[in-house]
Amino acid sequence: MRTAKKAAFGAVAATAMALCAPLTVAHADQGDTLKGGCHFSTNQQQTVTNGQNQGVIADLSASQEATGAPSGATVKCWINVNGAKAPGTEIDASGLGVQQNEAQITFAAGDTDAVALCQQVIFDDGSSWVGADGTNPDCPAAMSTQIPPQVVIDAINNLFVTVIDPTICPVLIQLGQLTGGGVPGVLTIGPDGDVNVIDPLGILDPVEDCPPYQTTP
């Protein structure tokens, strides 16, 4: 169980997901090489992005022959979720010596879903390419990070529970009694000191959660 205060901070937290292809040289059978490659960056936030992963997928790479001359190549990038290509996430980048492309993407993926960035390279002269795990396409797993980290959210909640709430909640209770429950159309102050504002997005609700704390699963 979590206090509603913790749930409120959790509601504004976002999950950032990203992965960059290793900036090492990948060799093809006939001497072609590719530097750089596919990368993506997305954010997921329950209110702002409606729980979807939204961001950018892109490729920036350079290809060359064994002699050092530029070679032609096509790089394909897309997102896999649980082993299947996420619709609308694929881009192609073709060019002689340099490949570049990017696009806005949106895809659905929960905390327990396996998300991977796939890269496939096709050289114009027929040379083959393999990624870090020896496959083409190469689909390494993405990395996700909560912003702010849970340890920060926990520290803020502990500060509220141990220091701020015991100080401010008695004052809010008295203020609510004096104002008749807050300011109509702007905010309400409950009999226990809870403060709620008119917030269509629900991010700031409640602004202050006094004991007894509400709970959510």
N, C-alpha and C. Protein backbone atom coordinates (compact mmCIF):
# COMPACT_ATOMS: atom_id res chain seq x y z
N MET A 1 0.83 -1.19 0.00
CA MET A 1 0.00 0.00 0.00
C MET A 1 0.87 1.25 0.00
N ARG A 2 0.38 2.31 -0.66
CA ARG A 2 1.13 3.55 -0.69
C ARG A 2 0.24 4.68 -0.19
N THR A 3 0.83 5.67 0.44
CA THR A 3 0.04 6.83 0.79
C THR A 3 -0.34 7.56 -0.48
N ALA A 4 -1.43 8.33 -0.40
CA ALA A 4 -1.85 9.10 -1.57
C ALA A 4 -0.79 10.12 -1.94
N LYS A 5 -0.06 10.59 -0.95
CA LYS A 5 1.00 11.54 -1.24
C LYS A 5 2.06 10.89 -2.13
N LYS A 6 2.43 9.67 -1.79
CA LYS A 6 3.40 8.96 -2.63
C LYS A 6 2.81 8.72 -4.01
N ALA A 7 1.52 8.37 -4.07
CA ALA A 7 0.89 8.14 -5.36
C ALA A 7 0.90 9.40 -6.19
N ALA A 8 0.73 10.56 -5.54
CA ALA A 8 0.73 11.82 -6.28
C ALA A 8 2.10 12.08 -6.88
N PHE A 9 3.16 11.86 -6.10
CA PHE A 9 4.50 12.06 -6.65
C PHE A 9 4.76 11.04 -7.75
N GLY A 10 4.28 9.83 -7.57
CA GLY A 10 4.47 8.82 -8.60
C GLY A 10 3.78 9.18 -9.90
N ALA A 11 2.66 9.92 -9.78
CA ALA A 11 1.91 10.27 -10.98
C ALA A 11 2.66 11.24 -11.87
N VAL A 12 3.54 12.06 -11.28
CA VAL A 12 4.29 13.00 -12.09
C VAL A 12 5.63 12.43 -12.52
N ALA A 13 5.98 11.25 -12.02
CA ALA A 13 7.22 10.62 -12.44
C ALA A 13 7.07 10.09 -13.86
N ALA A 14 8.14 10.14 -14.60
CA ALA A 14 8.14 9.65 -15.97
C ALA A 14 9.19 8.57 -16.11
N THR A 15 8.94 7.65 -17.04
CA THR A 15 9.92 6.62 -17.36
C THR A 15 10.58 6.98 -18.68
N ALA A 16 11.87 7.20 -18.65
CA ALA A 16 12.62 7.49 -19.86
C ALA A 16 13.28 6.20 -20.34
N MET A 17 13.11 5.92 -21.63
CA MET A 17 13.67 4.70 -22.19
C MET A 17 14.56 5.08 -23.36
N ALA A 18 15.73 4.48 -23.44
CA ALA A 18 16.64 4.84 -24.52
C ALA A 18 17.63 3.74 -24.77
N LEU A 19 18.20 3.76 -25.96
CA LEU A 19 19.28 2.85 -26.28
C LEU A 19 20.02 3.39 -27.47
N CYS A 20 21.33 3.34 -27.43
CA CYS A 20 22.16 3.73 -28.55
C CYS A 20 22.92 2.51 -29.04
N ALA A 21 22.99 2.37 -30.35
CA ALA A 21 23.80 1.30 -30.91
C ALA A 21 25.26 1.55 -30.56
N PRO A 22 26.03 0.51 -30.23
CA PRO A 22 27.44 0.70 -29.87
C PRO A 22 28.21 1.41 -30.98
N LEU A 23 28.98 2.41 -30.60
CA LEU A 23 29.73 3.16 -31.60
C LEU A 23 31.05 2.47 -31.91
N THR A 24 30.98 1.18 -32.17
CA THR A 24 32.15 0.41 -32.55
C THR A 24 32.02 0.02 -34.01
N VAL A 25 33.08 -0.43 -34.59
CA VAL A 25 33.07 -0.80 -36.00
C VAL A 25 32.55 -2.23 -36.14
N ALA A 26 31.50 -2.40 -36.95
CA ALA A 26 30.97 -3.73 -37.23
C ALA A 26 31.46 -4.13 -38.61
N HIS A 27 32.08 -5.29 -38.72
CA HIS A 27 32.69 -5.70 -39.97
C HIS A 27 31.74 -6.59 -40.78
N ALA A 28 31.77 -6.40 -42.07
CA ALA A 28 31.04 -7.26 -42.99
C ALA A 28 32.02 -8.24 -43.63
N ASP A 29 31.46 -9.28 -44.26
CA ASP A 29 32.29 -10.34 -44.82
C ASP A 29 33.31 -9.82 -45.82
N GLN A 30 32.92 -8.84 -46.64
CA GLN A 30 33.78 -8.40 -47.73
C GLN A 30 34.51 -7.10 -47.39
N GLY A 31 34.57 -6.76 -46.11
CA GLY A 31 35.37 -5.61 -45.71
C GLY A 31 34.61 -4.34 -45.42
N ASP A 32 33.31 -4.27 -45.74
CA ASP A 32 32.54 -3.07 -45.44
C ASP A 32 32.38 -2.92 -43.92
N THR A 33 32.37 -1.69 -43.44
CA THR A 33 32.18 -1.42 -42.02
C THR A 33 31.13 -0.35 -41.83
N LEU A 34 30.54 -0.34 -40.64
CA LEU A 34 29.53 0.66 -40.29
C LEU A 34 29.84 1.20 -38.90
N LYS A 35 29.90 2.51 -38.79
CA LYS A 35 30.07 3.16 -37.50
C LYS A 35 28.78 3.89 -37.13
N GLY A 36 28.47 3.91 -35.84
CA GLY A 36 27.22 4.53 -35.41
C GLY A 36 26.06 3.57 -35.61
N GLY A 37 24.87 4.10 -35.81
CA GLY A 37 23.71 3.26 -36.03
C GLY A 37 22.44 3.80 -35.40
N CYS A 38 21.52 2.90 -35.12
CA CYS A 38 20.20 3.27 -34.63
C CYS A 38 20.23 3.68 -33.16
N HIS A 39 19.34 4.58 -32.78
CA HIS A 39 19.15 4.94 -31.38
C HIS A 39 17.73 5.50 -31.22
N PHE A 40 17.24 5.47 -30.00
CA PHE A 40 15.92 6.05 -29.75
C PHE A 40 15.85 6.55 -28.32
N SER A 41 14.90 7.44 -28.09
CA SER A 41 14.67 7.98 -26.75
C SER A 41 13.18 8.29 -26.61
N THR A 42 12.54 7.73 -25.59
CA THR A 42 11.11 7.97 -25.37
C THR A 42 10.85 8.27 -23.91
N ASN A 43 9.72 8.90 -23.65
CA ASN A 43 9.25 9.14 -22.29
C ASN A 43 7.86 8.56 -22.13
N GLN A 44 7.59 8.05 -20.93
CA GLN A 44 6.27 7.50 -20.62
C GLN A 44 5.79 8.11 -19.31
N GLN A 45 4.62 8.75 -19.35
CA GLN A 45 4.04 9.36 -18.16
C GLN A 45 2.53 9.18 -18.25
N GLN A 46 1.93 8.71 -17.17
CA GLN A 46 0.54 8.28 -17.22
C GLN A 46 -0.40 9.37 -17.71
N THR A 47 -0.20 10.60 -17.23
CA THR A 47 -1.10 11.69 -17.60
C THR A 47 -0.68 12.36 -18.89
N VAL A 48 0.58 12.77 -18.99
CA VAL A 48 1.04 13.55 -20.13
C VAL A 48 1.03 12.74 -21.42
N THR A 49 1.49 11.49 -21.39
CA THR A 49 1.55 10.68 -22.61
C THR A 49 0.49 9.59 -22.64
N ASN A 50 -0.44 9.63 -21.68
CA ASN A 50 -1.51 8.62 -21.61
C ASN A 50 -0.95 7.21 -21.50
N GLY A 51 0.19 7.10 -20.83
CA GLY A 51 0.79 5.78 -20.61
C GLY A 51 1.56 5.24 -21.79
N GLN A 52 1.60 5.99 -22.91
CA GLN A 52 2.31 5.54 -24.09
C GLN A 52 3.78 5.98 -24.02
N ASN A 53 4.64 5.25 -24.73
CA ASN A 53 6.03 5.67 -24.90
C ASN A 53 6.08 6.58 -26.12
N GLN A 54 6.48 7.82 -25.91
CA GLN A 54 6.52 8.79 -26.99
C GLN A 54 7.92 9.40 -27.08
N GLY A 55 8.41 9.55 -28.30
CA GLY A 55 9.74 10.13 -28.46
C GLY A 55 10.22 10.07 -29.89
N VAL A 56 11.51 9.77 -30.06
CA VAL A 56 12.15 9.82 -31.38
C VAL A 56 12.98 8.56 -31.59
N ILE A 57 12.94 8.05 -32.81
CA ILE A 57 13.86 7.00 -33.24
C ILE A 57 14.69 7.58 -34.37
N ALA A 58 15.96 7.25 -34.43
CA ALA A 58 16.83 7.87 -35.42
C ALA A 58 17.99 6.96 -35.79
N ASP A 59 18.60 7.28 -36.91
CA ASP A 59 19.85 6.63 -37.31
C ASP A 59 20.83 7.70 -37.75
N LEU A 60 22.07 7.55 -37.32
CA LEU A 60 23.19 8.35 -37.82
C LEU A 60 24.36 7.40 -37.91
N SER A 61 24.78 7.10 -39.12
CA SER A 61 25.83 6.10 -39.31
C SER A 61 26.70 6.46 -40.51
N ALA A 62 27.88 5.82 -40.54
CA ALA A 62 28.81 6.02 -41.64
C ALA A 62 29.31 4.65 -42.10
N SER A 63 29.31 4.44 -43.40
CA SER A 63 29.75 3.15 -43.96
C SER A 63 30.90 3.37 -44.92
N GLN A 64 31.81 2.38 -44.96
CA GLN A 64 32.96 2.50 -45.86
C GLN A 64 33.48 1.13 -46.26
N GLU A 65 34.19 1.14 -47.38
CA GLU A 65 34.84 -0.07 -47.88
C GLU A 65 36.11 -0.32 -47.06
N ALA A 66 36.71 -1.50 -47.27
CA ALA A 66 37.96 -1.83 -46.58
C ALA A 66 39.08 -0.88 -46.98
N THR A 67 38.97 -0.31 -48.17
CA THR A 67 39.99 0.63 -48.65
C THR A 67 39.87 2.00 -48.00
N GLY A 68 38.76 2.24 -47.31
CA GLY A 68 38.50 3.54 -46.72
C GLY A 68 37.55 4.38 -47.54
N ALA A 69 37.24 3.96 -48.77
CA ALA A 69 36.30 4.68 -49.61
C ALA A 69 34.88 4.50 -49.07
N PRO A 70 34.00 5.49 -49.24
CA PRO A 70 32.63 5.35 -48.75
C PRO A 70 31.88 4.25 -49.49
N SER A 71 31.02 3.55 -48.79
CA SER A 71 30.21 2.52 -49.40
C SER A 71 28.74 2.84 -49.19
N GLY A 72 27.91 2.34 -50.08
CA GLY A 72 26.47 2.56 -49.97
C GLY A 72 25.84 1.56 -49.02
N ALA A 73 24.88 2.03 -48.23
CA ALA A 73 24.23 1.13 -47.27
C ALA A 73 22.83 1.65 -46.94
N THR A 74 21.98 0.74 -46.52
CA THR A 74 20.66 1.07 -46.00
C THR A 74 20.56 0.53 -44.58
N VAL A 75 20.21 1.40 -43.64
CA VAL A 75 20.06 1.01 -42.24
C VAL A 75 18.59 1.10 -41.87
N LYS A 76 18.05 0.02 -41.35
CA LYS A 76 16.66 -0.01 -40.90
C LYS A 76 16.64 -0.07 -39.38
N CYS A 77 15.78 0.75 -38.77
CA CYS A 77 15.66 0.79 -37.32
C CYS A 77 14.19 0.63 -36.94
N TRP A 78 13.92 -0.13 -35.88
CA TRP A 78 12.55 -0.24 -35.38
C TRP A 78 12.57 -0.73 -33.94
N ILE A 79 11.41 -0.65 -33.29
CA ILE A 79 11.26 -1.08 -31.91
C ILE A 79 10.52 -2.41 -31.87
N ASN A 80 11.05 -3.37 -31.13
CA ASN A 80 10.36 -4.63 -30.84
C ASN A 80 9.80 -4.59 -29.43
N VAL A 81 8.57 -5.04 -29.26
CA VAL A 81 7.97 -5.20 -27.94
C VAL A 81 7.57 -6.67 -27.80
N ASN A 82 8.20 -7.35 -26.87
CA ASN A 82 7.97 -8.79 -26.67
C ASN A 82 8.22 -9.57 -27.95
N GLY A 83 9.26 -9.17 -28.69
CA GLY A 83 9.66 -9.91 -29.88
C GLY A 83 8.93 -9.55 -31.15
N ALA A 84 7.95 -8.64 -31.08
CA ALA A 84 7.19 -8.26 -32.27
C ALA A 84 7.41 -6.78 -32.59
N LYS A 85 7.46 -6.45 -33.87
CA LYS A 85 7.68 -5.07 -34.28
C LYS A 85 6.51 -4.20 -33.86
N ALA A 86 6.81 -3.09 -33.18
CA ALA A 86 5.77 -2.15 -32.77
C ALA A 86 5.36 -1.32 -33.98
N PRO A 87 4.08 -1.28 -34.33
CA PRO A 87 3.63 -0.55 -35.52
C PRO A 87 4.04 0.92 -35.46
N GLY A 88 4.46 1.44 -36.61
CA GLY A 88 4.77 2.85 -36.72
C GLY A 88 6.11 3.27 -36.14
N THR A 89 7.00 2.30 -35.86
CA THR A 89 8.28 2.66 -35.25
C THR A 89 9.47 2.47 -36.18
N GLU A 90 9.25 2.03 -37.42
CA GLU A 90 10.38 1.72 -38.31
C GLU A 90 10.76 2.92 -39.17
N ILE A 91 12.07 3.12 -39.33
CA ILE A 91 12.59 4.09 -40.27
C ILE A 91 13.68 3.43 -41.10
N ASP A 92 13.91 3.97 -42.30
CA ASP A 92 14.99 3.54 -43.17
C ASP A 92 15.90 4.73 -43.44
N ALA A 93 17.20 4.47 -43.49
CA ALA A 93 18.17 5.52 -43.81
C ALA A 93 19.16 4.96 -44.82
N SER A 94 19.22 5.58 -45.99
CA SER A 94 20.13 5.11 -47.04
C SER A 94 21.07 6.23 -47.46
N GLY A 95 22.27 5.84 -47.93
CA GLY A 95 23.20 6.84 -48.41
C GLY A 95 24.55 6.25 -48.73
N LEU A 96 25.34 7.01 -49.48
CA LEU A 96 26.70 6.62 -49.83
C LEU A 96 27.65 7.25 -48.81
N GLY A 97 28.14 6.42 -47.91
CA GLY A 97 29.07 6.90 -46.89
C GLY A 97 28.40 7.35 -45.61
N VAL A 98 27.25 8.02 -45.70
CA VAL A 98 26.55 8.51 -44.52
C VAL A 98 25.06 8.21 -44.65
N GLN A 99 24.46 7.75 -43.56
CA GLN A 99 23.03 7.50 -43.51
C GLN A 99 22.43 8.27 -42.32
N GLN A 100 21.30 8.94 -42.55
CA GLN A 100 20.68 9.71 -41.47
C GLN A 100 19.18 9.79 -41.70
N ASN A 101 18.42 9.57 -40.64
CA ASN A 101 16.97 9.72 -40.68
C ASN A 101 16.46 9.71 -39.25
N GLU A 102 15.29 10.30 -39.03
CA GLU A 102 14.67 10.26 -37.71
C GLU A 102 13.18 10.45 -37.86
N ALA A 103 12.43 10.04 -36.84
CA ALA A 103 10.97 10.16 -36.87
C ALA A 103 10.42 10.13 -35.46
N GLN A 104 9.29 10.79 -35.28
CA GLN A 104 8.55 10.71 -34.02
C GLN A 104 7.87 9.35 -33.94
N ILE A 105 7.90 8.73 -32.76
CA ILE A 105 7.26 7.42 -32.60
C ILE A 105 6.43 7.39 -31.32
N THR A 106 5.44 6.51 -31.33
CA THR A 106 4.62 6.22 -30.16
C THR A 106 4.36 4.73 -30.14
N PHE A 107 4.57 4.10 -28.99
CA PHE A 107 4.26 2.67 -28.89
C PHE A 107 3.88 2.34 -27.45
N ALA A 108 3.15 1.26 -27.30
CA ALA A 108 2.69 0.82 -25.98
C ALA A 108 3.62 -0.26 -25.45
N ALA A 109 4.01 -0.11 -24.17
CA ALA A 109 4.84 -1.12 -23.51
C ALA A 109 4.74 -0.90 -22.01
N GLY A 110 4.37 -1.96 -21.28
CA GLY A 110 4.27 -1.87 -19.84
C GLY A 110 5.59 -2.17 -19.15
N ASP A 111 5.56 -2.10 -17.82
CA ASP A 111 6.78 -2.30 -17.04
C ASP A 111 7.36 -3.69 -17.22
N THR A 112 6.51 -4.68 -17.49
CA THR A 112 6.99 -6.05 -17.61
C THR A 112 7.25 -6.47 -19.05
N ASP A 113 7.00 -5.59 -20.01
CA ASP A 113 7.23 -5.92 -21.42
C ASP A 113 8.71 -5.78 -21.78
N ALA A 114 9.16 -6.62 -22.68
CA ALA A 114 10.54 -6.58 -23.16
C ALA A 114 10.62 -5.68 -24.38
N VAL A 115 11.35 -4.58 -24.25
CA VAL A 115 11.49 -3.61 -25.34
C VAL A 115 12.92 -3.68 -25.88
N ALA A 116 13.05 -3.73 -27.20
CA ALA A 116 14.36 -3.82 -27.83
C ALA A 116 14.42 -2.89 -29.04
N LEU A 117 15.61 -2.39 -29.31
CA LEU A 117 15.86 -1.58 -30.51
C LEU A 117 16.53 -2.46 -31.55
N CYS A 118 15.88 -2.60 -32.70
CA CYS A 118 16.42 -3.47 -33.75
C CYS A 118 17.09 -2.65 -34.84
N GLN A 119 18.20 -3.18 -35.35
CA GLN A 119 18.94 -2.55 -36.43
C GLN A 119 19.29 -3.60 -37.48
N GLN A 120 18.98 -3.28 -38.72
CA GLN A 120 19.33 -4.15 -39.83
C GLN A 120 20.11 -3.33 -40.85
N VAL A 121 21.22 -3.88 -41.33
CA VAL A 121 22.08 -3.16 -42.27
C VAL A 121 22.22 -3.98 -43.55
N ILE A 122 22.02 -3.30 -44.68
CA ILE A 122 22.17 -3.93 -46.00
C ILE A 122 23.15 -3.08 -46.82
N PHE A 123 24.30 -3.64 -47.16
CA PHE A 123 25.27 -2.92 -47.99
C PHE A 123 24.93 -3.08 -49.46
N ASP A 124 25.15 -2.02 -50.22
CA ASP A 124 24.77 -2.03 -51.63
C ASP A 124 25.51 -3.09 -52.43
N ASP A 125 26.75 -3.42 -52.03
CA ASP A 125 27.54 -4.38 -52.80
C ASP A 125 27.28 -5.82 -52.39
N GLY A 126 26.31 -6.02 -51.49
CA GLY A 126 25.98 -7.38 -51.08
C GLY A 126 26.73 -7.88 -49.87
N SER A 127 27.64 -7.10 -49.35
CA SER A 127 28.36 -7.50 -48.13
C SER A 127 27.37 -7.71 -47.00
N SER A 128 27.68 -8.64 -46.12
CA SER A 128 26.78 -8.91 -45.00
C SER A 128 27.27 -8.18 -43.76
N TRP A 129 26.35 -7.94 -42.83
CA TRP A 129 26.66 -7.23 -41.59
C TRP A 129 26.03 -8.00 -40.44
N VAL A 130 26.72 -8.02 -39.29
CA VAL A 130 26.14 -8.60 -38.08
C VAL A 130 26.38 -7.64 -36.93
N GLY A 131 25.43 -7.63 -35.99
CA GLY A 131 25.55 -6.76 -34.83
C GLY A 131 26.38 -7.38 -33.73
N ALA A 132 26.29 -6.76 -32.55
CA ALA A 132 27.12 -7.19 -31.43
C ALA A 132 26.84 -8.62 -31.00
N ASP A 133 25.59 -9.08 -31.18
CA ASP A 133 25.27 -10.45 -30.77
C ASP A 133 25.38 -11.43 -31.92
N GLY A 134 25.95 -10.99 -33.05
CA GLY A 134 26.19 -11.88 -34.17
C GLY A 134 25.01 -12.11 -35.09
N THR A 135 24.00 -11.22 -35.01
CA THR A 135 22.81 -11.41 -35.84
C THR A 135 22.54 -10.16 -36.67
N ASN A 136 21.74 -10.33 -37.71
CA ASN A 136 21.28 -9.23 -38.55
C ASN A 136 19.84 -9.56 -38.97
N PRO A 137 18.82 -8.90 -38.41
CA PRO A 137 18.93 -7.72 -37.56
C PRO A 137 19.43 -8.03 -36.15
N ASP A 138 19.98 -6.99 -35.52
CA ASP A 138 20.49 -7.06 -34.16
C ASP A 138 19.50 -6.31 -33.27
N CYS A 139 19.03 -6.94 -32.18
CA CYS A 139 17.98 -6.35 -31.35
C CYS A 139 18.35 -6.34 -29.87
N PRO A 140 19.27 -5.47 -29.45
CA PRO A 140 19.62 -5.39 -28.02
C PRO A 140 18.49 -4.78 -27.20
N ALA A 141 18.41 -5.16 -25.94
CA ALA A 141 17.36 -4.67 -25.05
C ALA A 141 17.55 -3.20 -24.73
N ALA A 142 16.44 -2.49 -24.60
CA ALA A 142 16.49 -1.07 -24.24
C ALA A 142 16.68 -0.92 -22.74
N MET A 143 17.08 0.26 -22.33
CA MET A 143 17.27 0.58 -20.92
C MET A 143 16.22 1.62 -20.51
N SER A 144 15.62 1.45 -19.33
CA SER A 144 14.63 2.41 -18.86
C SER A 144 15.04 2.97 -17.50
N THR A 145 14.69 4.23 -17.27
CA THR A 145 15.02 4.93 -16.04
C THR A 145 13.84 5.75 -15.59
N GLN A 146 13.46 5.64 -14.32
CA GLN A 146 12.40 6.48 -13.79
C GLN A 146 12.96 7.84 -13.40
N ILE A 147 12.25 8.90 -13.79
CA ILE A 147 12.65 10.27 -13.47
C ILE A 147 11.51 10.98 -12.76
N PRO A 148 11.69 11.41 -11.49
CA PRO A 148 12.87 11.22 -10.66
C PRO A 148 12.95 9.78 -10.16
N PRO A 149 14.12 9.33 -9.72
CA PRO A 149 14.26 7.96 -9.20
C PRO A 149 13.36 7.72 -7.99
N GLN A 150 13.00 6.46 -7.75
CA GLN A 150 12.12 6.13 -6.63
C GLN A 150 12.72 6.55 -5.29
N VAL A 151 14.04 6.49 -5.17
CA VAL A 151 14.68 6.88 -3.91
C VAL A 151 14.42 8.34 -3.60
N VAL A 152 14.33 9.19 -4.65
CA VAL A 152 14.03 10.61 -4.44
C VAL A 152 12.58 10.78 -4.01
N ILE A 153 11.67 10.04 -4.67
CA ILE A 153 10.25 10.12 -4.30
C ILE A 153 10.07 9.67 -2.86
N ASP A 154 10.73 8.59 -2.46
CA ASP A 154 10.61 8.10 -1.09
C ASP A 154 11.14 9.11 -0.08
N ALA A 155 12.25 9.77 -0.42
CA ALA A 155 12.82 10.76 0.49
C ALA A 155 11.89 11.95 0.67
N ILE A 156 11.25 12.39 -0.43
CA ILE A 156 10.31 13.52 -0.35
C ILE A 156 9.11 13.14 0.50
N ASN A 157 8.59 11.94 0.30
CA ASN A 157 7.44 11.50 1.09
C ASN A 157 7.78 11.40 2.57
N ASN A 158 8.97 10.92 2.88
CA ASN A 158 9.39 10.81 4.27
C ASN A 158 9.48 12.19 4.91
N LEU A 159 9.96 13.18 4.13
CA LEU A 159 10.04 14.55 4.63
C LEU A 159 8.66 15.10 4.95
N PHE A 160 7.70 14.82 4.06
CA PHE A 160 6.34 15.29 4.32
C PHE A 160 5.76 14.64 5.57
N VAL A 161 5.91 13.33 5.68
CA VAL A 161 5.27 12.59 6.78
C VAL A 161 5.88 12.95 8.13
N THR A 162 7.19 13.16 8.17
CA THR A 162 7.86 13.36 9.47
C THR A 162 8.03 14.82 9.86
N VAL A 163 8.07 15.74 8.87
CA VAL A 163 8.36 17.14 9.19
C VAL A 163 7.25 18.09 8.75
N ILE A 164 6.91 18.05 7.47
CA ILE A 164 5.99 19.06 6.92
C ILE A 164 4.56 18.87 7.41
N ASP A 165 4.04 17.64 7.29
CA ASP A 165 2.64 17.40 7.66
C ASP A 165 2.34 17.74 9.12
N PRO A 166 3.16 17.30 10.09
CA PRO A 166 2.87 17.64 11.49
C PRO A 166 2.84 19.14 11.75
N THR A 167 3.53 19.91 10.90
CA THR A 167 3.57 21.37 11.09
C THR A 167 2.43 22.07 10.39
N ILE A 168 2.16 21.69 9.14
CA ILE A 168 1.23 22.45 8.32
C ILE A 168 -0.22 21.97 8.45
N CYS A 169 -0.44 20.71 8.72
CA CYS A 169 -1.80 20.19 8.72
C CYS A 169 -2.70 20.82 9.80
N PRO A 170 -2.22 21.01 11.05
CA PRO A 170 -3.07 21.71 12.03
C PRO A 170 -3.47 23.10 11.57
N VAL A 171 -2.57 23.80 10.88
CA VAL A 171 -2.88 25.14 10.36
C VAL A 171 -3.93 25.06 9.27
N LEU A 172 -3.82 24.05 8.38
CA LEU A 172 -4.78 23.89 7.30
C LEU A 172 -6.17 23.55 7.84
N ILE A 173 -6.22 22.75 8.90
CA ILE A 173 -7.51 22.40 9.50
C ILE A 173 -8.20 23.67 10.00
N GLN A 174 -7.46 24.51 10.67
CA GLN A 174 -8.03 25.77 11.19
C GLN A 174 -8.44 26.69 10.04
N LEU A 175 -7.61 26.75 8.99
CA LEU A 175 -7.92 27.59 7.84
C LEU A 175 -9.19 27.11 7.14
N GLY A 176 -9.35 25.79 7.05
CA GLY A 176 -10.56 25.25 6.44
C GLY A 176 -11.80 25.60 7.23
N GLN A 177 -11.69 25.58 8.54
CA GLN A 177 -12.83 25.95 9.39
C GLN A 177 -13.17 27.42 9.23
N LEU A 178 -12.15 28.27 9.13
CA LEU A 178 -12.39 29.72 9.00
C LEU A 178 -12.98 30.09 7.65
N THR A 179 -12.59 29.37 6.59
CA THR A 179 -13.04 29.72 5.24
C THR A 179 -14.25 28.92 4.81
N GLY A 180 -14.72 28.03 5.66
CA GLY A 180 -15.86 27.21 5.27
C GLY A 180 -15.52 26.15 4.25
N GLY A 181 -14.27 25.71 4.25
CA GLY A 181 -13.89 24.61 3.36
C GLY A 181 -13.10 25.02 2.14
N GLY A 182 -12.46 26.21 2.16
CA GLY A 182 -11.62 26.62 1.05
C GLY A 182 -12.15 27.76 0.24
N VAL A 183 -11.74 27.84 -1.03
CA VAL A 183 -12.15 28.90 -1.95
C VAL A 183 -12.97 28.27 -3.07
N PRO A 184 -14.28 28.58 -3.15
CA PRO A 184 -15.14 27.95 -4.17
C PRO A 184 -14.58 28.11 -5.58
N GLY A 185 -14.53 27.01 -6.33
CA GLY A 185 -14.05 27.02 -7.71
C GLY A 185 -12.55 27.03 -7.85
N VAL A 186 -11.82 27.14 -6.74
CA VAL A 186 -10.36 27.18 -6.81
C VAL A 186 -9.75 26.02 -6.04
N LEU A 187 -10.08 25.90 -4.77
CA LEU A 187 -9.55 24.80 -3.98
C LEU A 187 -10.47 24.50 -2.81
N THR A 188 -10.34 23.30 -2.29
CA THR A 188 -11.09 22.88 -1.12
C THR A 188 -10.13 22.45 -0.03
N ILE A 189 -10.54 22.68 1.22
CA ILE A 189 -9.76 22.22 2.37
C ILE A 189 -10.68 21.32 3.20
N GLY A 190 -10.32 20.05 3.29
CA GLY A 190 -11.15 19.09 4.00
C GLY A 190 -11.03 19.24 5.49
N PRO A 191 -11.90 18.59 6.25
CA PRO A 191 -11.87 18.68 7.71
C PRO A 191 -10.59 18.12 8.32
N ASP A 192 -9.87 17.27 7.59
CA ASP A 192 -8.60 16.73 8.08
C ASP A 192 -7.40 17.51 7.55
N GLY A 193 -7.65 18.61 6.79
CA GLY A 193 -6.57 19.44 6.27
C GLY A 193 -6.19 19.14 4.83
N ASP A 194 -6.79 18.13 4.21
CA ASP A 194 -6.46 17.82 2.82
C ASP A 194 -6.81 19.01 1.92
N VAL A 195 -5.88 19.37 1.02
CA VAL A 195 -6.09 20.48 0.10
C VAL A 195 -6.14 19.94 -1.32
N ASN A 196 -7.23 20.27 -2.02
CA ASN A 196 -7.40 19.87 -3.41
C ASN A 196 -7.66 21.11 -4.25
N VAL A 197 -7.02 21.19 -5.42
CA VAL A 197 -7.24 22.31 -6.33
C VAL A 197 -7.99 21.82 -7.56
N ILE A 198 -8.58 22.76 -8.28
CA ILE A 198 -9.26 22.42 -9.53
C ILE A 198 -8.18 22.18 -10.58
N ASP A 199 -7.91 20.93 -10.87
CA ASP A 199 -6.82 20.54 -11.76
C ASP A 199 -7.33 19.49 -12.74
N PRO A 200 -7.68 19.89 -13.98
CA PRO A 200 -8.22 18.93 -14.94
C PRO A 200 -7.32 17.72 -15.20
N LEU A 201 -6.00 17.91 -15.10
CA LEU A 201 -5.08 16.80 -15.35
C LEU A 201 -4.94 15.86 -14.17
N GLY A 202 -5.32 16.33 -12.98
CA GLY A 202 -5.23 15.49 -11.80
C GLY A 202 -3.84 15.32 -11.24
N ILE A 203 -2.86 16.08 -11.76
CA ILE A 203 -1.48 15.93 -11.31
C ILE A 203 -1.30 16.50 -9.90
N LEU A 204 -1.99 17.60 -9.60
CA LEU A 204 -1.81 18.27 -8.32
C LEU A 204 -2.90 17.91 -7.33
N ASP A 205 -3.48 16.74 -7.45
CA ASP A 205 -4.59 16.36 -6.59
C ASP A 205 -4.21 15.12 -5.77
N PRO A 206 -4.09 15.22 -4.45
CA PRO A 206 -4.22 16.45 -3.66
C PRO A 206 -2.90 17.21 -3.58
N VAL A 207 -3.00 18.53 -3.36
CA VAL A 207 -1.80 19.33 -3.14
C VAL A 207 -1.19 18.98 -1.80
N GLU A 208 -2.02 18.80 -0.81
CA GLU A 208 -1.56 18.40 0.52
C GLU A 208 -2.47 17.30 1.04
N ASP A 209 -1.89 16.20 1.44
CA ASP A 209 -2.63 15.06 1.99
C ASP A 209 -2.24 14.88 3.44
N CYS A 210 -3.15 15.25 4.34
CA CYS A 210 -2.87 15.16 5.77
C CYS A 210 -3.37 13.83 6.34
N PRO A 211 -2.83 13.44 7.47
CA PRO A 211 -3.30 12.21 8.11
C PRO A 211 -4.79 12.33 8.46
N PRO A 212 -5.54 11.24 8.39
CA PRO A 212 -5.12 9.89 7.96
C PRO A 212 -4.93 9.84 6.45
N TYR A 213 -3.80 9.29 6.01
CA TYR A 213 -3.49 9.29 4.60
C TYR A 213 -4.40 8.38 3.82
N GLN A 214 -4.74 8.85 2.62
CA GLN A 214 -5.48 7.99 1.70
C GLN A 214 -4.53 6.88 1.23
N THR A 215 -5.06 5.78 0.79
CA THR A 215 -4.22 4.68 0.31
C THR A 215 -4.70 4.23 -1.04
N THR A 216 -3.75 3.72 -1.85
CA THR A 216 -4.06 3.14 -3.15
C THR A 216 -3.35 1.80 -3.23
N PRO A 217 -3.87 0.87 -4.03
CA PRO A 217 -3.21 -0.43 -4.17
C PRO A 217 -1.80 -0.28 -4.71
